[in-house]
Amino acid sequence: MREVEIRDDMIRLGQLLKLAGLVEHGAEAKSLLEDGQVEVNGAVETRRGKQLVEGDEVVLGNEVVRVVTH
């Protein structure tokens, strides 16, 4: 698991996927989400706009990232 630091109190899932380098662009994120390949805190998430806060964990394949704030 690795940590991804955000500047604000929250970040949208699509933005986090890009920030963490898990996808290159929004269309790729949308496709992965629609296919049910992304989990947030252990549950499949299909909404690109899902708001994430500190401590949330996102899983895509073998990659696990945790949201942290500074």
N, C-alpha and C. Protein backbone atom coordinates (compact mmCIF):
# COMPACT_ATOMS: atom_id res chain seq x y z
N MET A 1 0.84 -1.18 0.00
CA MET A 1 0.00 0.00 0.00
C MET A 1 0.89 1.24 0.00
N ARG A 2 0.46 2.22 -0.75
CA ARG A 2 1.19 3.48 -0.72
C ARG A 2 0.22 4.61 -0.44
N GLU A 3 0.74 5.69 0.05
CA GLU A 3 -0.08 6.84 0.41
C GLU A 3 -0.01 7.89 -0.68
N VAL A 4 -1.15 8.52 -0.95
CA VAL A 4 -1.23 9.63 -1.90
C VAL A 4 -1.71 10.84 -1.13
N GLU A 5 -0.88 11.87 -1.11
CA GLU A 5 -1.21 13.08 -0.35
C GLU A 5 -2.04 14.04 -1.19
N ILE A 6 -3.12 14.56 -0.58
CA ILE A 6 -3.95 15.56 -1.24
C ILE A 6 -3.84 16.87 -0.49
N ARG A 7 -4.10 17.98 -1.17
CA ARG A 7 -3.97 19.30 -0.56
C ARG A 7 -5.22 19.73 0.20
N ASP A 8 -6.39 19.32 -0.29
CA ASP A 8 -7.65 19.73 0.32
C ASP A 8 -8.18 18.62 1.23
N ASP A 9 -9.35 18.83 1.80
CA ASP A 9 -9.96 17.85 2.70
C ASP A 9 -10.54 16.66 1.95
N MET A 10 -10.81 16.83 0.64
CA MET A 10 -11.37 15.73 -0.14
C MET A 10 -10.88 15.80 -1.57
N ILE A 11 -11.05 14.66 -2.28
CA ILE A 11 -10.70 14.58 -3.69
C ILE A 11 -11.68 13.61 -4.33
N ARG A 12 -12.02 13.86 -5.58
CA ARG A 12 -12.93 12.95 -6.28
C ARG A 12 -12.14 11.73 -6.77
N LEU A 13 -12.83 10.61 -6.84
CA LEU A 13 -12.18 9.35 -7.18
C LEU A 13 -11.44 9.42 -8.52
N GLY A 14 -12.06 9.97 -9.54
CA GLY A 14 -11.41 10.08 -10.84
C GLY A 14 -10.11 10.87 -10.76
N GLN A 15 -10.12 11.94 -9.98
CA GLN A 15 -8.92 12.76 -9.81
C GLN A 15 -7.84 11.98 -9.07
N LEU A 16 -8.23 11.23 -8.06
CA LEU A 16 -7.25 10.45 -7.30
C LEU A 16 -6.60 9.39 -8.17
N LEU A 17 -7.38 8.73 -9.00
CA LEU A 17 -6.81 7.71 -9.88
C LEU A 17 -5.73 8.30 -10.78
N LYS A 18 -5.97 9.52 -11.27
CA LYS A 18 -4.97 10.20 -12.10
C LYS A 18 -3.77 10.64 -11.27
N LEU A 19 -4.03 11.26 -10.10
CA LEU A 19 -2.96 11.73 -9.24
C LEU A 19 -2.03 10.60 -8.81
N ALA A 20 -2.61 9.44 -8.54
CA ALA A 20 -1.83 8.28 -8.09
C ALA A 20 -1.13 7.58 -9.24
N GLY A 21 -1.41 8.00 -10.48
CA GLY A 21 -0.78 7.39 -11.63
C GLY A 21 -1.38 6.04 -12.01
N LEU A 22 -2.59 5.77 -11.52
CA LEU A 22 -3.25 4.50 -11.85
C LEU A 22 -3.91 4.54 -13.22
N VAL A 23 -4.24 5.74 -13.68
CA VAL A 23 -4.79 5.94 -15.03
C VAL A 23 -4.13 7.18 -15.61
N GLU A 24 -4.17 7.27 -16.95
CA GLU A 24 -3.57 8.43 -17.60
C GLU A 24 -4.55 9.55 -17.85
N HIS A 25 -5.83 9.20 -18.05
CA HIS A 25 -6.83 10.23 -18.33
C HIS A 25 -8.20 9.80 -17.84
N GLY A 26 -9.11 10.78 -17.80
CA GLY A 26 -10.44 10.54 -17.26
C GLY A 26 -11.23 9.45 -17.95
N ALA A 27 -11.08 9.32 -19.26
CA ALA A 27 -11.82 8.30 -20.00
C ALA A 27 -11.42 6.90 -19.54
N GLU A 28 -10.14 6.73 -19.25
CA GLU A 28 -9.67 5.43 -18.76
C GLU A 28 -10.26 5.14 -17.38
N ALA A 29 -10.29 6.16 -16.53
CA ALA A 29 -10.89 6.00 -15.20
C ALA A 29 -12.37 5.63 -15.32
N LYS A 30 -13.07 6.32 -16.20
CA LYS A 30 -14.51 6.06 -16.39
C LYS A 30 -14.74 4.61 -16.81
N SER A 31 -13.95 4.13 -17.73
CA SER A 31 -14.09 2.76 -18.22
C SER A 31 -13.84 1.74 -17.11
N LEU A 32 -12.78 1.92 -16.34
CA LEU A 32 -12.45 1.00 -15.25
C LEU A 32 -13.56 1.00 -14.19
N LEU A 33 -14.09 2.18 -13.89
CA LEU A 33 -15.16 2.29 -12.90
C LEU A 33 -16.43 1.61 -13.40
N GLU A 34 -16.77 1.84 -14.65
CA GLU A 34 -17.97 1.21 -15.22
C GLU A 34 -17.87 -0.30 -15.22
N ASP A 35 -16.65 -0.81 -15.38
CA ASP A 35 -16.42 -2.26 -15.39
C ASP A 35 -16.34 -2.86 -13.99
N GLY A 36 -16.47 -2.03 -12.95
CA GLY A 36 -16.44 -2.53 -11.58
C GLY A 36 -15.07 -2.97 -11.11
N GLN A 37 -14.02 -2.37 -11.67
CA GLN A 37 -12.66 -2.78 -11.33
C GLN A 37 -12.04 -1.99 -10.19
N VAL A 38 -12.76 -1.00 -9.67
CA VAL A 38 -12.21 -0.14 -8.62
C VAL A 38 -13.01 -0.35 -7.33
N GLU A 39 -12.29 -0.51 -6.22
CA GLU A 39 -12.93 -0.63 -4.91
C GLU A 39 -12.50 0.54 -4.04
N VAL A 40 -13.46 1.03 -3.25
CA VAL A 40 -13.18 2.06 -2.26
C VAL A 40 -13.60 1.50 -0.91
N ASN A 41 -12.65 1.40 -0.01
CA ASN A 41 -12.92 0.88 1.33
C ASN A 41 -13.61 -0.49 1.29
N GLY A 42 -13.18 -1.33 0.36
CA GLY A 42 -13.68 -2.70 0.30
C GLY A 42 -14.94 -2.92 -0.50
N ALA A 43 -15.51 -1.87 -1.09
CA ALA A 43 -16.74 -2.00 -1.87
C ALA A 43 -16.50 -1.49 -3.29
N VAL A 44 -17.07 -2.17 -4.27
CA VAL A 44 -16.94 -1.73 -5.66
C VAL A 44 -17.58 -0.36 -5.80
N GLU A 45 -16.88 0.54 -6.48
CA GLU A 45 -17.37 1.90 -6.68
C GLU A 45 -17.41 2.19 -8.17
N THR A 46 -18.53 2.73 -8.66
CA THR A 46 -18.67 3.02 -10.08
C THR A 46 -18.78 4.51 -10.37
N ARG A 47 -18.77 5.33 -9.34
CA ARG A 47 -18.93 6.79 -9.53
C ARG A 47 -17.58 7.49 -9.56
N ARG A 48 -17.28 8.12 -10.67
CA ARG A 48 -16.02 8.85 -10.81
C ARG A 48 -15.97 10.04 -9.86
N GLY A 49 -17.14 10.59 -9.53
CA GLY A 49 -17.22 11.76 -8.67
C GLY A 49 -17.30 11.45 -7.19
N LYS A 50 -17.18 10.18 -6.81
CA LYS A 50 -17.22 9.79 -5.40
C LYS A 50 -16.18 10.58 -4.63
N GLN A 51 -16.60 11.23 -3.54
CA GLN A 51 -15.68 12.03 -2.75
C GLN A 51 -14.91 11.16 -1.77
N LEU A 52 -13.60 11.32 -1.78
CA LEU A 52 -12.72 10.58 -0.89
C LEU A 52 -12.11 11.54 0.12
N VAL A 53 -11.91 11.04 1.33
CA VAL A 53 -11.31 11.84 2.39
C VAL A 53 -10.13 11.06 2.98
N GLU A 54 -9.42 11.71 3.88
CA GLU A 54 -8.25 11.07 4.50
C GLU A 54 -8.62 9.72 5.10
N GLY A 55 -7.76 8.73 4.82
CA GLY A 55 -7.97 7.39 5.36
C GLY A 55 -8.68 6.45 4.40
N ASP A 56 -9.35 6.99 3.36
CA ASP A 56 -10.01 6.12 2.39
C ASP A 56 -8.97 5.31 1.62
N GLU A 57 -9.30 4.07 1.31
CA GLU A 57 -8.40 3.20 0.55
C GLU A 57 -9.04 2.83 -0.77
N VAL A 58 -8.25 2.94 -1.83
CA VAL A 58 -8.70 2.63 -3.18
C VAL A 58 -7.87 1.48 -3.72
N VAL A 59 -8.56 0.50 -4.30
CA VAL A 59 -7.88 -0.67 -4.86
C VAL A 59 -8.21 -0.76 -6.34
N LEU A 60 -7.16 -0.92 -7.15
CA LEU A 60 -7.31 -1.16 -8.59
C LEU A 60 -6.28 -2.22 -8.95
N GLY A 61 -6.76 -3.41 -9.25
CA GLY A 61 -5.85 -4.52 -9.53
C GLY A 61 -5.02 -4.83 -8.31
N ASN A 62 -3.69 -4.83 -8.48
CA ASN A 62 -2.77 -5.10 -7.38
C ASN A 62 -2.35 -3.83 -6.64
N GLU A 63 -2.84 -2.69 -7.09
CA GLU A 63 -2.46 -1.41 -6.49
C GLU A 63 -3.45 -1.02 -5.39
N VAL A 64 -2.90 -0.62 -4.25
CA VAL A 64 -3.71 -0.13 -3.13
C VAL A 64 -3.13 1.22 -2.73
N VAL A 65 -3.99 2.25 -2.70
CA VAL A 65 -3.54 3.57 -2.27
C VAL A 65 -4.45 4.08 -1.16
N ARG A 66 -3.85 4.81 -0.23
CA ARG A 66 -4.59 5.41 0.87
C ARG A 66 -4.47 6.92 0.75
N VAL A 67 -5.60 7.60 0.94
CA VAL A 67 -5.64 9.06 0.88
C VAL A 67 -5.13 9.63 2.20
N VAL A 68 -4.18 10.55 2.10
CA VAL A 68 -3.69 11.27 3.29
C VAL A 68 -3.67 12.76 2.98
N THR A 69 -3.80 13.57 4.02
CA THR A 69 -3.67 15.02 3.87
C THR A 69 -2.43 15.46 4.62
N HIS A 70 -1.94 16.61 4.27
CA HIS A 70 -0.71 17.10 4.93
C HIS A 70 -1.03 17.89 6.16
